[in-house]
N, C-alpha and C. Protein backbone atom coordinates (compact mmCIF):
# COMPACT_ATOMS: atom_id res chain seq x y z
N UNK A 1 0.85 -1.19 0.00
CA UNK A 1 0.00 0.00 0.00
C UNK A 1 0.88 1.25 0.00
N UNK A 2 0.68 2.13 -0.96
CA UNK A 2 1.52 3.30 -1.08
C UNK A 2 1.05 4.40 -0.13
N UNK A 3 1.96 4.94 0.64
CA UNK A 3 1.63 5.99 1.60
C UNK A 3 2.74 6.07 2.63
N UNK A 4 2.56 6.91 3.64
CA UNK A 4 3.58 7.10 4.67
C UNK A 4 2.92 7.17 6.04
N UNK A 5 3.55 6.55 7.01
CA UNK A 5 3.12 6.62 8.40
C UNK A 5 4.05 7.58 9.15
N UNK A 6 3.50 8.63 9.69
CA UNK A 6 4.28 9.61 10.47
C UNK A 6 4.10 9.26 11.94
N UNK A 7 5.18 8.87 12.58
CA UNK A 7 5.14 8.41 13.97
C UNK A 7 5.66 9.50 14.91
N UNK A 8 4.88 9.79 15.94
CA UNK A 8 5.29 10.80 16.93
C UNK A 8 5.10 10.25 18.34
N UNK A 9 6.17 9.90 19.03
CA UNK A 9 6.04 9.54 20.45
C UNK A 9 5.60 10.77 21.24
N UNK A 10 4.66 10.60 22.16
CA UNK A 10 4.18 11.75 22.93
C UNK A 10 4.18 11.43 24.42
N UNK A 11 4.66 12.40 25.19
CA UNK A 11 4.68 12.26 26.65
C UNK A 11 4.41 13.64 27.26
N UNK A 12 3.29 13.77 27.95
CA UNK A 12 2.91 15.03 28.60
C UNK A 12 3.01 16.23 27.65
N UNK A 13 2.25 16.15 26.56
CA UNK A 13 2.29 17.19 25.54
C UNK A 13 0.95 17.91 25.40
N UNK A 14 0.21 18.04 26.50
CA UNK A 14 -1.13 18.62 26.40
C UNK A 14 -1.11 20.06 25.87
N UNK A 15 -0.02 20.78 26.07
CA UNK A 15 0.03 22.17 25.64
C UNK A 15 0.18 22.34 24.13
N UNK A 16 0.73 21.32 23.46
CA UNK A 16 1.04 21.51 22.03
C UNK A 16 0.50 20.42 21.12
N UNK A 17 -0.04 19.33 21.67
CA UNK A 17 -0.40 18.19 20.83
C UNK A 17 -1.46 18.55 19.78
N UNK A 18 -2.43 19.37 20.16
CA UNK A 18 -3.49 19.72 19.21
C UNK A 18 -2.98 20.68 18.13
N UNK A 19 -2.36 21.76 18.55
CA UNK A 19 -1.91 22.77 17.57
C UNK A 19 -0.84 22.21 16.64
N UNK A 20 0.11 21.45 17.17
CA UNK A 20 1.19 20.94 16.32
C UNK A 20 0.72 19.81 15.41
N UNK A 21 -0.20 18.98 15.90
CA UNK A 21 -0.75 17.94 15.03
C UNK A 21 -1.53 18.56 13.89
N UNK A 22 -2.31 19.60 14.18
CA UNK A 22 -3.06 20.27 13.12
C UNK A 22 -2.13 20.95 12.12
N UNK A 23 -1.02 21.49 12.59
CA UNK A 23 -0.04 22.10 11.68
C UNK A 23 0.57 21.03 10.77
N UNK A 24 0.84 19.86 11.34
CA UNK A 24 1.40 18.77 10.55
C UNK A 24 0.38 18.28 9.52
N UNK A 25 -0.88 18.16 9.92
CA UNK A 25 -1.93 17.75 8.98
C UNK A 25 -2.01 18.73 7.81
N UNK A 26 -1.96 20.02 8.11
CA UNK A 26 -2.02 21.04 7.06
C UNK A 26 -0.85 20.89 6.09
N UNK A 27 0.33 20.64 6.63
CA UNK A 27 1.51 20.48 5.78
C UNK A 27 1.39 19.22 4.91
N UNK A 28 1.01 18.11 5.51
CA UNK A 28 0.90 16.85 4.76
C UNK A 28 -0.18 16.95 3.69
N UNK A 29 -1.28 17.61 3.98
CA UNK A 29 -2.33 17.80 2.98
C UNK A 29 -1.82 18.63 1.79
N UNK A 30 -0.94 19.56 2.07
CA UNK A 30 -0.39 20.40 0.99
C UNK A 30 0.48 19.59 0.04
N UNK A 31 1.00 18.45 0.52
CA UNK A 31 1.85 17.60 -0.32
C UNK A 31 1.02 16.72 -1.25
N UNK A 32 -0.25 16.55 -0.93
CA UNK A 32 -1.11 15.71 -1.74
C UNK A 32 -0.74 14.24 -1.68
N UNK A 33 -0.31 13.76 -0.50
CA UNK A 33 0.10 12.37 -0.35
C UNK A 33 -0.88 11.61 0.53
N UNK A 34 -0.80 10.29 0.45
CA UNK A 34 -1.57 9.43 1.35
C UNK A 34 -0.74 9.24 2.62
N UNK A 35 -1.35 9.42 3.78
CA UNK A 35 -0.58 9.35 5.02
C UNK A 35 -1.47 8.99 6.20
N UNK A 36 -0.80 8.65 7.29
CA UNK A 36 -1.44 8.55 8.60
C UNK A 36 -0.48 9.13 9.62
N UNK A 37 -1.03 9.68 10.69
CA UNK A 37 -0.22 10.19 11.80
C UNK A 37 -0.53 9.32 13.01
N UNK A 38 0.51 8.75 13.59
CA UNK A 38 0.33 7.91 14.78
C UNK A 38 0.93 8.63 15.98
N UNK A 39 0.06 9.06 16.89
CA UNK A 39 0.49 9.69 18.14
C UNK A 39 0.61 8.58 19.17
N UNK A 40 1.83 8.25 19.55
CA UNK A 40 2.06 7.09 20.40
C UNK A 40 2.45 7.51 21.81
N UNK A 41 1.47 7.49 22.70
CA UNK A 41 1.70 7.90 24.08
C UNK A 41 2.48 6.87 24.87
N UNK A 42 3.24 7.37 25.84
CA UNK A 42 4.00 6.47 26.71
C UNK A 42 4.06 7.02 28.12
N UNK A 43 3.01 6.73 28.88
CA UNK A 43 3.00 7.06 30.30
C UNK A 43 2.66 8.49 30.65
N UNK A 44 1.97 9.20 29.78
CA UNK A 44 1.61 10.59 30.09
C UNK A 44 0.73 10.67 31.34
N UNK A 45 0.94 11.73 32.10
CA UNK A 45 0.16 11.93 33.33
C UNK A 45 -0.74 13.16 33.23
N UNK A 46 -0.75 13.81 32.08
CA UNK A 46 -1.63 14.96 31.88
C UNK A 46 -2.76 14.58 30.92
N UNK A 47 -3.25 15.50 30.12
CA UNK A 47 -4.38 15.24 29.23
C UNK A 47 -3.96 14.84 27.82
N UNK A 48 -2.70 14.47 27.66
CA UNK A 48 -2.19 14.13 26.32
C UNK A 48 -3.00 13.03 25.65
N UNK A 49 -3.23 11.92 26.35
CA UNK A 49 -3.96 10.80 25.76
C UNK A 49 -5.39 11.18 25.41
N UNK A 50 -6.02 11.95 26.28
CA UNK A 50 -7.39 12.38 26.03
C UNK A 50 -7.48 13.27 24.79
N UNK A 51 -6.53 14.19 24.67
CA UNK A 51 -6.51 15.08 23.51
C UNK A 51 -6.17 14.31 22.24
N UNK A 52 -5.32 13.29 22.38
CA UNK A 52 -4.99 12.45 21.23
C UNK A 52 -6.23 11.75 20.70
N UNK A 53 -7.06 11.25 21.59
CA UNK A 53 -8.31 10.58 21.19
C UNK A 53 -9.25 11.57 20.50
N UNK A 54 -9.29 12.80 20.99
CA UNK A 54 -10.13 13.81 20.36
C UNK A 54 -9.66 14.10 18.94
N UNK A 55 -8.37 14.11 18.75
CA UNK A 55 -7.82 14.35 17.42
C UNK A 55 -8.20 13.23 16.45
N UNK A 56 -8.26 11.99 16.94
CA UNK A 56 -8.65 10.87 16.08
C UNK A 56 -10.11 10.98 15.67
N UNK A 57 -10.93 11.54 16.55
CA UNK A 57 -12.35 11.69 16.24
C UNK A 57 -12.57 12.80 15.21
N UNK A 58 -11.65 13.75 15.17
CA UNK A 58 -11.79 14.88 14.27
C UNK A 58 -11.09 14.66 12.93
N UNK A 59 -10.12 13.73 12.90
CA UNK A 59 -9.30 13.52 11.71
C UNK A 59 -9.12 12.02 11.46
N UNK A 60 -9.59 11.55 10.33
CA UNK A 60 -9.49 10.12 10.02
C UNK A 60 -8.06 9.67 9.80
N UNK A 61 -7.16 10.62 9.53
CA UNK A 61 -5.76 10.27 9.28
C UNK A 61 -4.96 10.10 10.57
N UNK A 62 -5.55 10.44 11.70
CA UNK A 62 -4.82 10.40 12.98
C UNK A 62 -5.23 9.17 13.78
N UNK A 63 -4.22 8.51 14.33
CA UNK A 63 -4.44 7.35 15.21
C UNK A 63 -3.69 7.62 16.52
N UNK A 64 -4.35 7.44 17.64
CA UNK A 64 -3.72 7.68 18.94
C UNK A 64 -3.58 6.37 19.71
N UNK A 65 -2.36 6.11 20.17
CA UNK A 65 -2.07 4.93 20.98
C UNK A 65 -1.65 5.40 22.37
N UNK A 66 -1.84 4.54 23.37
CA UNK A 66 -1.39 4.90 24.71
C UNK A 66 -0.98 3.66 25.48
N UNK A 67 -0.04 3.84 26.37
CA UNK A 67 0.41 2.78 27.26
C UNK A 67 0.88 3.43 28.56
N UNK A 68 0.83 2.69 29.63
CA UNK A 68 1.31 3.22 30.91
C UNK A 68 2.82 3.15 31.03
N UNK A 69 3.44 2.41 30.11
CA UNK A 69 4.90 2.27 30.14
C UNK A 69 5.55 3.51 29.55
N UNK A 70 6.56 4.02 30.25
CA UNK A 70 7.26 5.21 29.79
C UNK A 70 8.51 4.81 29.01
N UNK A 71 8.72 5.44 27.87
CA UNK A 71 9.92 5.17 27.08
C UNK A 71 9.67 5.49 25.61
N UNK A 72 10.56 6.30 25.04
CA UNK A 72 10.42 6.67 23.63
C UNK A 72 10.49 5.44 22.74
N UNK A 73 11.38 4.51 23.10
CA UNK A 73 11.51 3.28 22.32
C UNK A 73 10.23 2.45 22.35
N UNK A 74 9.59 2.40 23.50
CA UNK A 74 8.31 1.68 23.62
C UNK A 74 7.27 2.32 22.71
N UNK A 75 7.19 3.65 22.76
CA UNK A 75 6.22 4.36 21.93
C UNK A 75 6.48 4.10 20.45
N UNK A 76 7.74 4.10 20.06
CA UNK A 76 8.10 3.86 18.66
C UNK A 76 7.72 2.44 18.24
N UNK A 77 8.05 1.46 19.07
CA UNK A 77 7.73 0.07 18.74
C UNK A 77 6.22 -0.15 18.63
N UNK A 78 5.47 0.42 19.54
CA UNK A 78 4.02 0.29 19.49
C UNK A 78 3.46 0.90 18.20
N UNK A 79 4.02 2.04 17.82
CA UNK A 79 3.55 2.71 16.60
C UNK A 79 3.90 1.89 15.36
N UNK A 80 5.09 1.33 15.33
CA UNK A 80 5.51 0.51 14.18
C UNK A 80 4.56 -0.68 14.02
N UNK A 81 4.17 -1.29 15.12
CA UNK A 81 3.29 -2.45 15.04
C UNK A 81 1.91 -2.09 14.49
N UNK A 82 1.52 -0.82 14.62
CA UNK A 82 0.20 -0.37 14.16
C UNK A 82 0.27 0.33 12.80
N UNK A 83 1.48 0.64 12.33
CA UNK A 83 1.62 1.40 11.08
C UNK A 83 1.16 0.56 9.89
N UNK A 84 0.41 1.17 9.01
CA UNK A 84 -0.11 0.42 7.86
C UNK A 84 0.68 0.67 6.58
N UNK A 85 1.64 1.59 6.62
CA UNK A 85 2.43 1.88 5.43
C UNK A 85 3.89 1.44 5.60
N UNK A 86 4.52 1.16 4.49
CA UNK A 86 5.92 0.71 4.51
C UNK A 86 6.88 1.85 4.82
N UNK A 87 6.52 3.06 4.42
CA UNK A 87 7.39 4.21 4.66
C UNK A 87 7.05 4.82 6.03
N UNK A 88 8.07 4.90 6.88
CA UNK A 88 7.90 5.40 8.24
C UNK A 88 8.75 6.65 8.43
N UNK A 89 8.15 7.71 8.94
CA UNK A 89 8.89 8.93 9.28
C UNK A 89 8.67 9.23 10.75
N UNK A 90 9.77 9.41 11.49
CA UNK A 90 9.70 9.66 12.93
C UNK A 90 9.99 11.13 13.23
N UNK A 91 9.05 11.78 13.92
CA UNK A 91 9.20 13.17 14.33
C UNK A 91 8.98 13.28 15.83
N UNK A 92 9.21 14.48 16.39
CA UNK A 92 8.83 14.72 17.78
C UNK A 92 7.66 15.69 17.82
N UNK A 93 6.95 15.72 18.93
CA UNK A 93 5.76 16.55 19.03
C UNK A 93 6.11 18.02 19.04
N UNK A 94 7.33 18.36 19.43
CA UNK A 94 7.77 19.76 19.42
C UNK A 94 7.90 20.30 18.00
N UNK A 95 7.96 19.39 17.01
CA UNK A 95 8.21 19.78 15.62
C UNK A 95 9.51 20.59 15.51
N UNK A 96 10.55 20.09 16.19
CA UNK A 96 11.83 20.80 16.18
C UNK A 96 12.53 20.70 14.83
N UNK A 97 12.23 19.64 14.07
CA UNK A 97 12.83 19.44 12.76
C UNK A 97 11.98 20.11 11.70
N UNK A 98 12.60 20.86 10.80
CA UNK A 98 11.87 21.50 9.72
C UNK A 98 11.08 20.46 8.94
N UNK A 99 9.80 20.73 8.70
CA UNK A 99 8.91 19.74 8.10
C UNK A 99 9.29 19.38 6.67
N UNK A 100 10.14 20.15 6.03
CA UNK A 100 10.59 19.78 4.69
C UNK A 100 11.29 18.43 4.70
N UNK A 101 11.78 18.01 5.88
CA UNK A 101 12.41 16.70 6.00
C UNK A 101 11.44 15.59 5.62
N UNK A 102 10.17 15.76 5.95
CA UNK A 102 9.18 14.71 5.71
C UNK A 102 9.11 14.36 4.24
N UNK A 103 8.94 15.36 3.38
CA UNK A 103 8.84 15.13 1.94
C UNK A 103 10.13 14.52 1.39
N UNK A 104 11.26 15.06 1.80
CA UNK A 104 12.55 14.53 1.32
C UNK A 104 12.73 13.08 1.73
N UNK A 105 12.37 12.77 2.97
CA UNK A 105 12.55 11.40 3.48
C UNK A 105 11.64 10.42 2.75
N UNK A 106 10.38 10.81 2.54
CA UNK A 106 9.44 9.93 1.85
C UNK A 106 9.95 9.60 0.44
N UNK A 107 10.46 10.61 -0.25
CA UNK A 107 11.00 10.39 -1.60
C UNK A 107 12.23 9.49 -1.56
N UNK A 108 13.11 9.70 -0.60
CA UNK A 108 14.35 8.92 -0.52
C UNK A 108 14.10 7.47 -0.13
N UNK A 109 12.99 7.20 0.54
CA UNK A 109 12.68 5.82 0.92
C UNK A 109 12.32 4.95 -0.28
N UNK A 110 12.19 5.55 -1.46
CA UNK A 110 12.01 4.76 -2.68
C UNK A 110 13.29 3.99 -3.02
N UNK A 111 14.43 4.55 -2.62
CA UNK A 111 15.72 3.96 -2.99
C UNK A 111 16.61 3.64 -1.80
N UNK A 112 16.17 3.96 -0.58
CA UNK A 112 16.98 3.71 0.60
C UNK A 112 16.12 3.07 1.69
N UNK A 113 16.80 2.48 2.68
CA UNK A 113 16.11 1.77 3.77
C UNK A 113 15.99 2.60 5.03
N UNK A 114 16.98 3.45 5.29
CA UNK A 114 16.96 4.33 6.46
C UNK A 114 17.46 5.71 6.05
N UNK A 115 16.75 6.74 6.49
CA UNK A 115 17.15 8.12 6.25
C UNK A 115 17.49 8.75 7.59
N UNK A 116 18.69 9.27 7.73
CA UNK A 116 19.13 9.92 8.96
C UNK A 116 19.16 11.43 8.74
N UNK A 117 18.29 12.15 9.43
CA UNK A 117 18.35 13.60 9.40
C UNK A 117 19.39 14.08 10.40
N UNK A 118 20.37 14.81 9.93
CA UNK A 118 21.48 15.25 10.79
C UNK A 118 21.42 16.74 11.05
N UNK A 119 21.43 17.09 12.35
CA UNK A 119 21.41 18.49 12.76
C UNK A 119 22.80 19.11 12.76
N UNK A 120 23.84 18.28 12.79
CA UNK A 120 25.20 18.78 13.00
C UNK A 120 25.61 19.84 11.98
N UNK A 121 25.30 19.59 10.71
CA UNK A 121 25.72 20.51 9.67
C UNK A 121 24.58 21.40 9.16
N UNK A 122 23.42 21.29 9.81
CA UNK A 122 22.31 22.16 9.46
C UNK A 122 22.29 23.37 10.38
N UNK A 123 21.17 24.08 10.36
CA UNK A 123 20.99 25.22 11.26
C UNK A 123 20.43 24.70 12.57
N UNK A 124 21.16 24.92 13.66
CA UNK A 124 20.74 24.43 14.97
C UNK A 124 20.40 25.59 15.90
N UNK A 125 19.18 25.64 16.32
CA UNK A 125 18.79 26.62 17.34
C UNK A 125 18.56 25.82 18.63
N UNK A 126 19.67 25.46 19.25
CA UNK A 126 19.65 24.68 20.49
C UNK A 126 20.66 25.26 21.45
N UNK A 127 20.53 24.92 22.73
CA UNK A 127 21.47 25.43 23.71
C UNK A 127 22.87 24.86 23.46
N UNK A 128 23.87 25.62 23.90
CA UNK A 128 25.26 25.18 23.71
C UNK A 128 25.50 23.84 24.41
N UNK A 129 24.92 23.67 25.60
CA UNK A 129 25.12 22.43 26.35
C UNK A 129 24.58 21.23 25.58
N UNK A 130 23.41 21.38 25.00
CA UNK A 130 22.81 20.26 24.26
C UNK A 130 23.59 19.97 22.98
N UNK A 131 24.04 21.01 22.30
CA UNK A 131 24.83 20.80 21.08
C UNK A 131 26.16 20.13 21.41
N UNK A 132 26.80 20.57 22.48
CA UNK A 132 28.09 19.99 22.87
C UNK A 132 27.92 18.54 23.28
N UNK A 133 26.91 18.25 24.11
CA UNK A 133 26.69 16.88 24.55
C UNK A 133 26.44 15.93 23.39
N UNK A 134 25.61 16.38 22.44
CA UNK A 134 25.31 15.55 21.27
C UNK A 134 26.55 15.32 20.42
N UNK A 135 27.32 16.39 20.24
CA UNK A 135 28.51 16.30 19.39
C UNK A 135 29.54 15.33 19.96
N UNK A 136 29.77 15.41 21.26
CA UNK A 136 30.75 14.52 21.90
C UNK A 136 30.30 13.07 21.79
N UNK A 137 29.01 12.83 22.04
CA UNK A 137 28.49 11.46 21.95
C UNK A 137 28.64 10.91 20.54
N UNK A 138 28.32 11.72 19.55
CA UNK A 138 28.41 11.28 18.16
C UNK A 138 29.84 10.93 17.78
N UNK A 139 30.79 11.75 18.20
CA UNK A 139 32.20 11.49 17.87
C UNK A 139 32.65 10.16 18.48
N UNK A 140 32.32 9.95 19.75
CA UNK A 140 32.73 8.72 20.43
C UNK A 140 32.03 7.51 19.82
N UNK A 141 30.72 7.63 19.59
CA UNK A 141 29.96 6.51 19.01
C UNK A 141 30.46 6.15 17.62
N UNK A 142 30.72 7.15 16.81
CA UNK A 142 31.17 6.90 15.45
C UNK A 142 32.54 6.23 15.42
N UNK A 143 33.41 6.65 16.32
CA UNK A 143 34.74 6.04 16.38
C UNK A 143 34.66 4.59 16.85
N UNK A 144 33.92 4.35 17.90
CA UNK A 144 33.88 3.01 18.50
C UNK A 144 33.09 2.01 17.66
N UNK A 145 32.07 2.50 16.95
CA UNK A 145 31.23 1.61 16.15
C UNK A 145 31.59 1.64 14.67
N UNK A 146 32.56 2.49 14.33
CA UNK A 146 32.99 2.62 12.94
C UNK A 146 31.82 3.03 12.04
N UNK A 147 31.03 4.00 12.53
CA UNK A 147 29.91 4.53 11.77
C UNK A 147 30.27 5.90 11.21
N UNK A 148 29.67 6.25 10.09
CA UNK A 148 29.97 7.52 9.44
C UNK A 148 28.86 8.55 9.63
N UNK A 149 27.92 8.27 10.51
CA UNK A 149 26.77 9.14 10.69
C UNK A 149 26.96 10.02 11.93
N UNK A 150 26.17 11.09 12.02
CA UNK A 150 26.40 12.00 13.15
C UNK A 150 25.12 12.53 13.80
N UNK A 151 24.06 11.72 13.79
CA UNK A 151 22.85 12.09 14.53
C UNK A 151 22.08 10.82 14.87
N UNK A 152 21.87 10.59 16.16
CA UNK A 152 21.18 9.37 16.60
C UNK A 152 19.99 9.71 17.50
N UNK A 153 19.45 10.92 17.35
CA UNK A 153 18.27 11.29 18.11
C UNK A 153 17.03 10.68 17.44
N UNK A 154 15.94 10.50 18.17
CA UNK A 154 14.75 9.85 17.59
C UNK A 154 14.08 10.64 16.47
N UNK A 155 14.05 11.97 16.59
CA UNK A 155 13.34 12.77 15.60
C UNK A 155 14.17 12.99 14.34
N UNK A 156 13.46 13.14 13.22
CA UNK A 156 14.16 13.37 11.96
C UNK A 156 14.81 12.11 11.42
N UNK A 157 14.12 11.00 11.56
CA UNK A 157 14.60 9.72 11.02
C UNK A 157 13.47 9.09 10.21
N UNK A 158 13.84 8.28 9.22
CA UNK A 158 12.83 7.59 8.41
C UNK A 158 13.32 6.19 8.10
N UNK A 159 12.39 5.28 8.01
CA UNK A 159 12.73 3.86 7.85
C UNK A 159 11.74 3.16 6.92
N UNK A 160 12.20 2.11 6.28
CA UNK A 160 11.29 1.18 5.66
C UNK A 160 10.85 0.21 6.76
N UNK A 161 9.56 0.04 6.89
CA UNK A 161 9.01 -0.73 8.01
C UNK A 161 9.58 -2.15 8.06
N UNK A 162 9.69 -2.79 6.90
CA UNK A 162 10.19 -4.16 6.87
C UNK A 162 11.61 -4.30 7.39
N UNK A 163 12.39 -3.24 7.26
CA UNK A 163 13.77 -3.26 7.74
C UNK A 163 13.82 -3.03 9.24
N UNK A 164 13.17 -1.97 9.71
CA UNK A 164 13.26 -1.63 11.13
C UNK A 164 12.63 -2.70 12.02
N UNK A 165 11.61 -3.39 11.51
CA UNK A 165 10.97 -4.45 12.30
C UNK A 165 11.93 -5.59 12.63
N UNK A 166 12.94 -5.78 11.82
CA UNK A 166 13.90 -6.86 12.06
C UNK A 166 14.65 -6.69 13.38
N UNK A 167 14.76 -5.45 13.82
CA UNK A 167 15.65 -5.17 14.95
C UNK A 167 14.93 -4.75 16.23
N UNK A 168 13.66 -4.40 16.15
CA UNK A 168 13.00 -3.78 17.30
C UNK A 168 12.88 -4.69 18.51
N UNK A 169 12.82 -5.98 18.32
CA UNK A 169 12.76 -6.89 19.47
C UNK A 169 14.09 -6.99 20.20
N UNK A 170 15.12 -6.42 19.59
CA UNK A 170 16.46 -6.50 20.17
C UNK A 170 17.05 -5.13 20.46
N UNK A 171 16.18 -4.12 20.54
CA UNK A 171 16.65 -2.78 20.85
C UNK A 171 16.01 -2.29 22.15
N UNK A 172 16.62 -1.24 22.72
CA UNK A 172 16.20 -0.74 24.03
C UNK A 172 14.89 0.03 23.95
N UNK A 173 14.25 0.20 25.09
CA UNK A 173 12.98 0.92 25.16
C UNK A 173 13.13 2.42 25.34
N UNK A 174 14.37 2.88 25.48
CA UNK A 174 14.63 4.32 25.56
C UNK A 174 15.09 4.85 24.22
N UNK A 175 15.82 5.96 24.24
CA UNK A 175 16.24 6.60 22.99
C UNK A 175 17.32 5.82 22.25
N UNK A 176 17.97 4.87 22.91
CA UNK A 176 19.05 4.13 22.27
C UNK A 176 18.59 3.19 21.16
N UNK A 177 17.28 3.02 21.03
CA UNK A 177 16.81 2.16 19.94
C UNK A 177 17.26 2.70 18.58
N UNK A 178 17.49 4.00 18.50
CA UNK A 178 17.86 4.61 17.22
C UNK A 178 19.25 4.17 16.79
N UNK A 179 20.25 4.38 17.65
CA UNK A 179 21.61 4.01 17.27
C UNK A 179 21.75 2.49 17.14
N UNK A 180 21.02 1.75 17.95
CA UNK A 180 21.08 0.29 17.86
C UNK A 180 20.52 -0.19 16.52
N UNK A 181 19.41 0.39 16.09
CA UNK A 181 18.82 0.02 14.80
C UNK A 181 19.73 0.40 13.65
N UNK A 182 20.27 1.62 13.68
CA UNK A 182 21.15 2.09 12.61
C UNK A 182 22.40 1.23 12.53
N UNK A 183 22.99 0.93 13.68
CA UNK A 183 24.22 0.13 13.69
C UNK A 183 23.98 -1.26 13.11
N UNK A 184 22.90 -1.90 13.54
CA UNK A 184 22.63 -3.26 13.07
C UNK A 184 22.28 -3.27 11.59
N UNK A 185 21.53 -2.28 11.15
CA UNK A 185 21.18 -2.20 9.73
C UNK A 185 22.42 -1.91 8.89
N UNK A 186 23.32 -1.08 9.40
CA UNK A 186 24.57 -0.78 8.70
C UNK A 186 25.43 -2.04 8.56
N UNK A 187 25.50 -2.81 9.63
CA UNK A 187 26.27 -4.06 9.59
C UNK A 187 25.67 -5.06 8.61
N UNK A 188 24.35 -4.99 8.42
CA UNK A 188 23.66 -5.89 7.50
C UNK A 188 23.58 -5.33 6.08
N UNK A 189 24.31 -4.25 5.84
CA UNK A 189 24.44 -3.66 4.50
C UNK A 189 23.15 -3.11 3.91
N UNK A 190 22.27 -2.62 4.78
CA UNK A 190 21.09 -1.93 4.27
C UNK A 190 21.49 -0.54 3.77
N UNK A 191 20.67 0.01 2.92
CA UNK A 191 20.97 1.29 2.26
C UNK A 191 20.59 2.44 3.20
N UNK A 192 21.60 3.11 3.74
CA UNK A 192 21.39 4.19 4.69
C UNK A 192 21.98 5.47 4.13
N UNK A 193 21.22 6.54 4.20
CA UNK A 193 21.70 7.83 3.73
C UNK A 193 21.47 8.88 4.80
N UNK A 194 22.39 9.83 4.90
CA UNK A 194 22.26 10.92 5.86
C UNK A 194 22.06 12.23 5.11
N UNK A 195 21.10 13.03 5.56
CA UNK A 195 20.85 14.33 4.95
C UNK A 195 20.84 15.41 6.02
N UNK A 196 21.10 16.62 5.62
CA UNK A 196 21.12 17.74 6.56
C UNK A 196 19.70 18.23 6.86
N UNK A 197 19.44 18.53 8.12
CA UNK A 197 18.16 19.09 8.51
C UNK A 197 18.38 20.33 9.39
N UNK A 198 17.40 21.20 9.42
CA UNK A 198 17.42 22.35 10.31
C UNK A 198 16.60 22.03 11.55
N UNK A 199 17.07 22.51 12.70
CA UNK A 199 16.45 22.16 13.97
C UNK A 199 16.26 23.39 14.84
N UNK A 200 15.07 23.56 15.36
CA UNK A 200 14.77 24.64 16.31
C UNK A 200 14.27 23.99 17.59
N UNK A 201 15.16 23.84 18.55
CA UNK A 201 14.86 23.05 19.75
C UNK A 201 15.20 23.85 20.99
N UNK A 202 14.38 24.86 21.27
CA UNK A 202 14.66 25.74 22.42
C UNK A 202 13.73 25.50 23.59
N UNK A 203 12.84 24.54 23.45
CA UNK A 203 11.94 24.19 24.55
C UNK A 203 12.71 23.39 25.60
N UNK A 204 12.34 23.53 26.85
CA UNK A 204 13.01 22.79 27.92
C UNK A 204 12.86 21.29 27.68
N UNK A 205 13.97 20.56 27.78
CA UNK A 205 13.94 19.12 27.52
C UNK A 205 13.14 18.39 28.59
N UNK A 206 12.43 17.33 28.16
CA UNK A 206 11.71 16.48 29.11
C UNK A 206 12.65 15.45 29.73
N UNK A 207 13.85 15.34 29.19
CA UNK A 207 14.82 14.41 29.73
C UNK A 207 15.70 15.11 30.77
N UNK A 208 16.06 14.37 31.81
CA UNK A 208 17.12 14.82 32.70
C UNK A 208 18.42 14.61 31.93
N UNK A 209 19.07 15.70 31.52
CA UNK A 209 20.19 15.60 30.59
C UNK A 209 21.35 14.78 31.15
N UNK A 210 21.61 14.90 32.45
CA UNK A 210 22.69 14.12 33.06
C UNK A 210 22.34 12.63 33.04
N UNK A 211 21.12 12.32 33.43
CA UNK A 211 20.66 10.92 33.42
C UNK A 211 20.67 10.37 31.99
N UNK A 212 20.20 11.18 31.03
CA UNK A 212 20.17 10.74 29.64
C UNK A 212 21.58 10.48 29.11
N UNK A 213 22.54 11.31 29.56
CA UNK A 213 23.92 11.11 29.15
C UNK A 213 24.47 9.78 29.64
N UNK A 214 24.28 9.48 30.93
CA UNK A 214 24.74 8.20 31.47
C UNK A 214 24.05 7.03 30.76
N UNK A 215 22.76 7.20 30.52
CA UNK A 215 21.98 6.15 29.85
C UNK A 215 22.55 5.86 28.46
N UNK A 216 22.81 6.89 27.69
CA UNK A 216 23.27 6.70 26.31
C UNK A 216 24.64 6.05 26.26
N UNK A 217 25.54 6.47 27.15
CA UNK A 217 26.89 5.88 27.13
C UNK A 217 26.85 4.44 27.63
N UNK A 218 26.00 4.16 28.59
CA UNK A 218 25.85 2.78 29.08
C UNK A 218 25.41 1.87 27.93
N UNK A 219 24.40 2.31 27.19
CA UNK A 219 23.89 1.47 26.10
C UNK A 219 24.84 1.45 24.91
N UNK A 220 25.62 2.51 24.74
CA UNK A 220 26.63 2.50 23.68
C UNK A 220 27.66 1.42 23.94
N UNK A 221 28.20 1.38 25.15
CA UNK A 221 29.21 0.38 25.48
C UNK A 221 28.60 -1.02 25.55
N UNK A 222 27.35 -1.11 25.95
CA UNK A 222 26.66 -2.40 25.93
C UNK A 222 26.55 -2.92 24.50
N UNK A 223 26.26 -2.01 23.56
CA UNK A 223 26.17 -2.38 22.15
C UNK A 223 27.53 -2.81 21.62
N UNK A 224 28.56 -2.10 21.99
CA UNK A 224 29.92 -2.43 21.53
C UNK A 224 30.35 -3.80 22.04
N UNK A 225 30.24 -4.02 23.33
CA UNK A 225 30.69 -5.28 23.91
C UNK A 225 29.81 -6.45 23.47
N UNK A 226 28.53 -6.17 23.23
CA UNK A 226 27.64 -7.21 22.72
C UNK A 226 28.05 -7.65 21.32
N UNK A 227 28.49 -6.67 20.51
CA UNK A 227 28.94 -6.99 19.15
C UNK A 227 30.27 -7.74 19.16
N UNK A 228 31.14 -7.36 20.09
CA UNK A 228 32.45 -8.01 20.16
C UNK A 228 32.34 -9.46 20.61
N UNK A 229 31.32 -9.75 21.40
CA UNK A 229 31.20 -11.10 21.95
C UNK A 229 30.60 -12.10 20.95
N UNK A 230 30.09 -11.56 19.81
CA UNK A 230 29.47 -12.44 18.84
C UNK A 230 30.50 -12.98 17.85
């Protein structure tokens, strides 16, 4: 079936879920494509899930999922299992990535298996601390895993469903599912391309940045040692 599934993990997004989803719908309609938007909740404690259900009642293209389990990876996996299209585009509810990425990614999925949107060489409107932390992690990860890519955040990524499904049962439930999927797909010689994206990410992060840093490095080294032991 030709079309694209736009996946958005959501956690406590009651302030923006309606306005940003409607903005995304307007953009996708302007492209004249077949699509669905999957709002995949993971443990929200505010009105996010309720508003997600309202959006599904107002828009046939929107599907809202919810679970009590918290984790971006969980939300992504749940959405993949419900996605009806082969082309998958992953965004965040903040819409920090310029929406032009969506059209470019959908087109590139005709000839590639994974599209990596990279903020490093694009325009970044983010705090110095967040840019520095991401840059250091990317340099270390790329060196240790022998990867040539430089962005492993959940947003601004696109996948062919049949490819990403191969790895999801063996990836983490947090944000590390991204680098784990990319690394395994790269090792299996799938067609991966990286493109530049612009990012406006000035909203306060929902992650504890120190905790997220320890988490990412823990799973990075776990991935490395797991690969070495095989």
